[in-house]
């Protein structure tokens, strides 16, 4: 019986450095985009402060490298959706999650906002019907 070959190839120091540089550049780009969009967030946010929302978004994205490498337009769209329902993107609060997915149709990583149960509870309590 033949042994299965180990196909794992460790990354070279050059590859690691290139990935690190790519993440740093992506982080700067996302931070700049979010700061530019702060005015748009102010228009849709009623329960939250826009500067706090932007700070939370930057921190959340920088803490998840897969979000940094995803398509930035889908990331901004997901953040705007969270802002429109006035829910925070902080994973410690647990209102919404920003989840990167591989989209085989576009060949890119995209980001989707997923409503978490705490966010749903928050929306129900705000509605005043409970």
Protein backbone atom coordinates (compact mmCIF):
# COMPACT_ATOMS: atom_id res chain seq x y z
CA UNK A 1 0.00 0.00 0.00
CA UNK A 2 1.45 3.36 -1.02
CA UNK A 3 1.77 6.13 1.50
CA UNK A 4 -0.04 9.39 0.86
CA UNK A 5 2.37 12.16 0.02
CA UNK A 6 2.47 15.20 2.23
CA UNK A 7 1.59 18.08 -0.09
CA UNK A 8 2.01 20.79 2.51
CA UNK A 9 4.76 23.22 1.60
CA UNK A 10 5.85 25.62 4.32
CA UNK A 11 5.87 29.27 3.32
CA UNK A 12 9.18 30.84 2.58
CA UNK A 13 10.22 33.96 4.51
CA UNK A 14 9.65 35.98 1.30
CA UNK A 15 6.08 34.68 1.00
CA UNK A 16 5.40 35.49 4.65
CA UNK A 17 6.78 39.00 4.23
CA UNK A 18 4.74 39.53 1.05
CA UNK A 19 1.54 38.42 2.83
CA UNK A 20 2.29 40.68 5.78
CA UNK A 21 2.84 43.66 3.47
CA UNK A 22 -0.37 42.85 1.60
CA UNK A 23 -2.34 42.78 4.87
CA UNK A 24 -0.86 46.08 6.04
CA UNK A 25 -1.72 47.77 2.74
CA UNK A 26 -5.23 46.31 2.77
CA UNK A 27 -5.71 47.53 6.36
CA UNK A 28 -4.69 51.07 5.39
CA UNK A 29 -7.01 51.01 2.38
CA UNK A 30 -9.99 49.81 4.42
CA UNK A 31 -9.32 52.38 7.16
CA UNK A 32 -9.23 55.18 4.59
CA UNK A 33 -12.45 53.98 2.93
CA UNK A 34 -14.25 53.76 6.27
CA UNK A 35 -13.12 57.23 7.32
CA UNK A 36 -14.33 58.61 3.98
CA UNK A 37 -17.70 56.91 4.50
CA UNK A 38 -18.19 58.30 8.00
CA UNK A 39 -20.58 60.97 6.69
CA UNK A 40 -22.71 58.29 5.04
CA UNK A 41 -22.77 56.31 8.26
CA UNK A 42 -23.87 59.46 10.15
CA UNK A 43 -26.87 59.79 7.84
CA UNK A 44 -28.14 56.26 8.51
CA UNK A 45 -27.20 55.74 12.16
CA UNK A 46 -29.76 56.91 14.67
CA UNK A 47 -28.95 54.83 17.76
CA UNK A 48 -25.15 54.84 17.42
CA UNK A 49 -22.40 57.42 17.05
CA UNK A 50 -20.85 57.23 13.56
CA UNK A 51 -17.28 57.71 14.77
CA UNK A 52 -17.73 54.84 17.25
CA UNK A 53 -19.20 52.67 14.51
CA UNK A 54 -16.22 53.39 12.23
CA UNK A 55 -13.72 52.66 15.02
CA UNK A 56 -15.44 49.35 15.79
CA UNK A 57 -15.50 48.46 12.10
CA UNK A 58 -11.78 49.19 11.66
CA UNK A 59 -10.89 47.15 14.75
CA UNK A 60 -13.11 44.24 13.70
CA UNK A 61 -11.69 44.15 10.18
CA UNK A 62 -8.06 44.45 11.31
CA UNK A 63 -8.57 41.56 13.74
CA UNK A 64 -9.70 39.24 10.94
CA UNK A 65 -7.20 39.04 8.06
CA UNK A 66 -9.72 37.23 5.86
CA UNK A 67 -11.91 40.33 5.94
CA UNK A 68 -8.95 42.45 4.86
CA UNK A 69 -8.32 40.24 1.85
CA UNK A 70 -11.97 40.08 0.81
CA UNK A 71 -13.62 42.27 -1.83
CA UNK A 72 -13.79 45.75 -0.33
CA UNK A 73 -17.10 46.68 -1.97
CA UNK A 74 -18.83 43.69 -0.33
CA UNK A 75 -17.20 44.62 2.99
CA UNK A 76 -18.46 48.21 2.76
CA UNK A 77 -21.91 46.99 1.73
CA UNK A 78 -22.06 44.66 4.74
CA UNK A 79 -21.00 47.46 7.07
CA UNK A 80 -23.61 49.79 5.61
CA UNK A 81 -26.28 47.13 6.09
CA UNK A 82 -25.28 46.84 9.76
CA UNK A 83 -25.41 50.63 10.08
CA UNK A 84 -28.86 50.79 8.48
CA UNK A 85 -30.28 48.51 11.16
CA UNK A 86 -28.22 50.36 13.82
CA UNK A 87 -26.35 47.32 15.09
CA UNK A 88 -22.72 47.27 16.17
CA UNK A 89 -20.17 45.12 14.38
CA UNK A 90 -18.14 44.44 17.53
CA UNK A 91 -17.80 40.64 17.92
CA UNK A 92 -17.76 41.06 21.71
CA UNK A 93 -21.26 42.53 21.64
CA UNK A 94 -22.51 39.93 19.18
CA UNK A 95 -25.14 41.90 17.25
CA UNK A 96 -23.83 41.04 13.78
CA UNK A 97 -20.99 39.02 12.30
CA UNK A 98 -18.99 39.89 9.21
CA UNK A 99 -18.35 36.57 7.51
CA UNK A 100 -16.01 36.11 4.52
CA UNK A 101 -17.11 33.60 1.88
CA UNK A 102 -15.52 32.34 -1.31
CA UNK A 103 -17.76 33.24 -4.24
CA UNK A 104 -17.07 30.76 -7.02
CA UNK A 105 -18.99 32.89 -9.53
CA UNK A 106 -16.73 35.93 -9.14
CA UNK A 107 -13.62 34.07 -7.99
CA UNK A 108 -13.28 36.39 -4.99
CA UNK A 109 -13.76 36.37 -1.25
CA UNK A 110 -16.84 38.38 -0.38
CA UNK A 111 -18.16 39.54 2.98
CA UNK A 112 -21.70 39.04 4.21
CA UNK A 113 -23.29 40.52 7.29
CA UNK A 114 -25.07 37.91 9.39
CA UNK A 115 -27.52 38.91 12.07
CA UNK A 116 -26.72 37.19 15.36
CA UNK A 117 -29.31 36.32 17.97
CA UNK A 118 -28.29 39.22 20.26
CA UNK A 119 -28.83 41.62 17.37
CA UNK A 120 -32.25 40.14 16.71
CA UNK A 121 -33.15 40.52 20.40
CA UNK A 122 -31.96 44.14 20.29
CA UNK A 123 -34.16 44.89 17.26
CA UNK A 124 -37.19 43.26 18.89
CA UNK A 125 -36.70 45.25 22.11
CA UNK A 126 -36.32 48.50 20.14
CA UNK A 127 -39.54 47.86 18.25
CA UNK A 128 -41.53 48.39 21.43
CA UNK A 129 -43.85 45.50 20.65
CA UNK A 130 -42.51 43.32 23.44
